[in-house]
Amino acid sequence: MSKECGDRTAAEVIAEVEAQEDVCTLVADIYRECCVQHDFDYRCQHISRAEADRRFRECIQKNSPLKKLSPVSWVRWIGVRIGGRFRY
C-alpha cells in the first residue's frame, strides 16, 4: 500500500473517501460504490492504475441496466484513463 494508506485498514480509508464531497461528480448514486472503490484503489495503489480503471468500468456496467453497453461506464472509463494519470 502507498504511504497515504499507511497502516490504516481498507475500511478506514474507504470511510475517509466516502466523506469527501467530490466522489463521483455528476454520476448517479447507483454508481457511488464503484467510485468509492476506485478512489480507494487510486489512493492506496495496491493494484495497477489500469486494473483500478478496468474494475471501475466493470462495476458501473454491473450496476447499469444496460450492462456492458452502458455509455456511462465507457465515458467514465475514458475520463479516468485520461485524467487519472495525474492522480495515480
Protein backbone atom coordinates (compact mmCIF):
# COMPACT_ATOMS: atom_id res chain seq x y z
CA MET A 1 0.00 0.00 0.00
CA SER A 2 1.06 3.57 -0.54
CA LYS A 3 2.28 5.81 2.25
CA GLU A 4 -1.06 7.62 2.09
CA CYS A 5 -2.84 4.49 3.31
CA GLY A 6 -0.18 3.60 5.83
CA ASP A 7 -1.28 1.13 8.47
CA ARG A 8 -4.95 2.07 8.20
CA THR A 9 -7.43 -0.62 7.27
CA ALA A 10 -9.31 -0.59 3.99
CA ALA A 11 -12.50 0.26 5.91
CA GLU A 12 -10.85 3.35 7.45
CA VAL A 13 -9.60 4.61 4.10
CA ILE A 14 -12.94 3.93 2.40
CA ALA A 15 -14.77 5.82 5.18
CA GLU A 16 -12.48 8.78 4.55
CA VAL A 17 -13.09 8.60 0.79
CA GLU A 18 -16.86 8.40 1.32
CA ALA A 19 -16.75 11.55 3.45
CA GLN A 20 -15.41 13.56 0.51
CA GLU A 21 -17.99 15.63 -1.30
CA ASP A 22 -16.48 15.24 -4.77
CA VAL A 23 -16.76 11.46 -5.08
CA CYS A 24 -18.24 10.70 -8.48
CA THR A 25 -19.22 14.18 -9.50
CA LEU A 26 -22.30 14.19 -11.73
CA VAL A 27 -22.82 10.41 -11.59
CA ALA A 28 -25.97 8.71 -10.32
CA ASP A 29 -26.00 7.35 -6.78
CA ILE A 30 -26.20 3.78 -8.09
CA TYR A 31 -22.54 4.14 -9.12
CA ARG A 32 -21.28 5.67 -5.86
CA GLU A 33 -19.94 2.36 -4.55
CA CYS A 34 -17.92 1.99 -7.75
CA CYS A 35 -16.47 5.47 -7.38
CA VAL A 36 -15.56 5.00 -3.73
CA GLN A 37 -13.76 1.75 -4.52
CA HIS A 38 -11.97 3.39 -7.46
CA ASP A 39 -10.82 6.28 -5.26
CA PHE A 40 -9.61 3.77 -2.67
CA ASP A 41 -7.69 1.87 -5.37
CA TYR A 42 -6.03 5.09 -6.56
CA ARG A 43 -5.27 6.30 -3.06
CA CYS A 44 -3.71 3.06 -1.83
CA GLN A 45 -2.20 1.95 -5.14
CA HIS A 46 -2.40 -1.73 -4.20
CA ILE A 47 -3.20 -2.60 -7.83
CA SER A 48 -2.15 -1.04 -11.11
CA ARG A 49 -3.91 2.03 -12.42
CA ALA A 50 -5.12 0.10 -15.47
CA GLU A 51 -6.60 -2.59 -13.20
CA ALA A 52 -8.30 0.03 -10.98
CA ASP A 53 -9.81 1.70 -14.05
CA ARG A 54 -10.96 -1.64 -15.51
CA ARG A 55 -12.64 -2.61 -12.23
CA PHE A 56 -14.31 0.81 -12.11
CA ARG A 57 -15.78 0.37 -15.60
CA GLU A 58 -16.93 -3.18 -14.86
CA CYS A 59 -18.56 -2.11 -11.58
CA ILE A 60 -20.55 0.59 -13.37
CA GLN A 61 -21.55 -1.93 -16.03
CA LYS A 62 -22.66 -4.42 -13.37
CA ASN A 63 -24.92 -1.78 -11.78
CA SER A 64 -26.29 -0.42 -15.06
CA PRO A 65 -29.48 -1.71 -16.68
CA LEU A 66 -27.53 -1.70 -19.97
CA LYS A 67 -24.66 -3.77 -18.52
CA LYS A 68 -21.62 -3.76 -20.89
CA LEU A 69 -23.37 -1.36 -23.27
CA SER A 70 -23.64 1.34 -20.59
CA PRO A 71 -22.47 4.63 -22.09
CA VAL A 72 -21.78 5.95 -18.57
CA SER A 73 -19.26 3.17 -17.97
CA TRP A 74 -17.34 3.91 -21.14
CA VAL A 75 -17.41 7.71 -20.74
CA ARG A 76 -16.23 7.44 -17.12
CA TRP A 77 -13.58 4.89 -18.08
CA ILE A 78 -12.20 7.18 -20.79
CA GLY A 79 -12.25 10.04 -18.27
CA VAL A 80 -10.22 8.17 -15.67
CA ARG A 81 -7.82 6.83 -18.27
CA ILE A 82 -7.11 10.37 -19.47
CA GLY A 83 -7.40 12.34 -16.23
CA GLY A 84 -6.25 9.65 -13.82
CA ARG A 85 -2.63 9.80 -14.91
CA PHE A 86 -2.29 12.98 -12.86
CA ARG A 87 -3.69 11.40 -9.69
CA TYR A 88 -2.20 7.92 -9.59
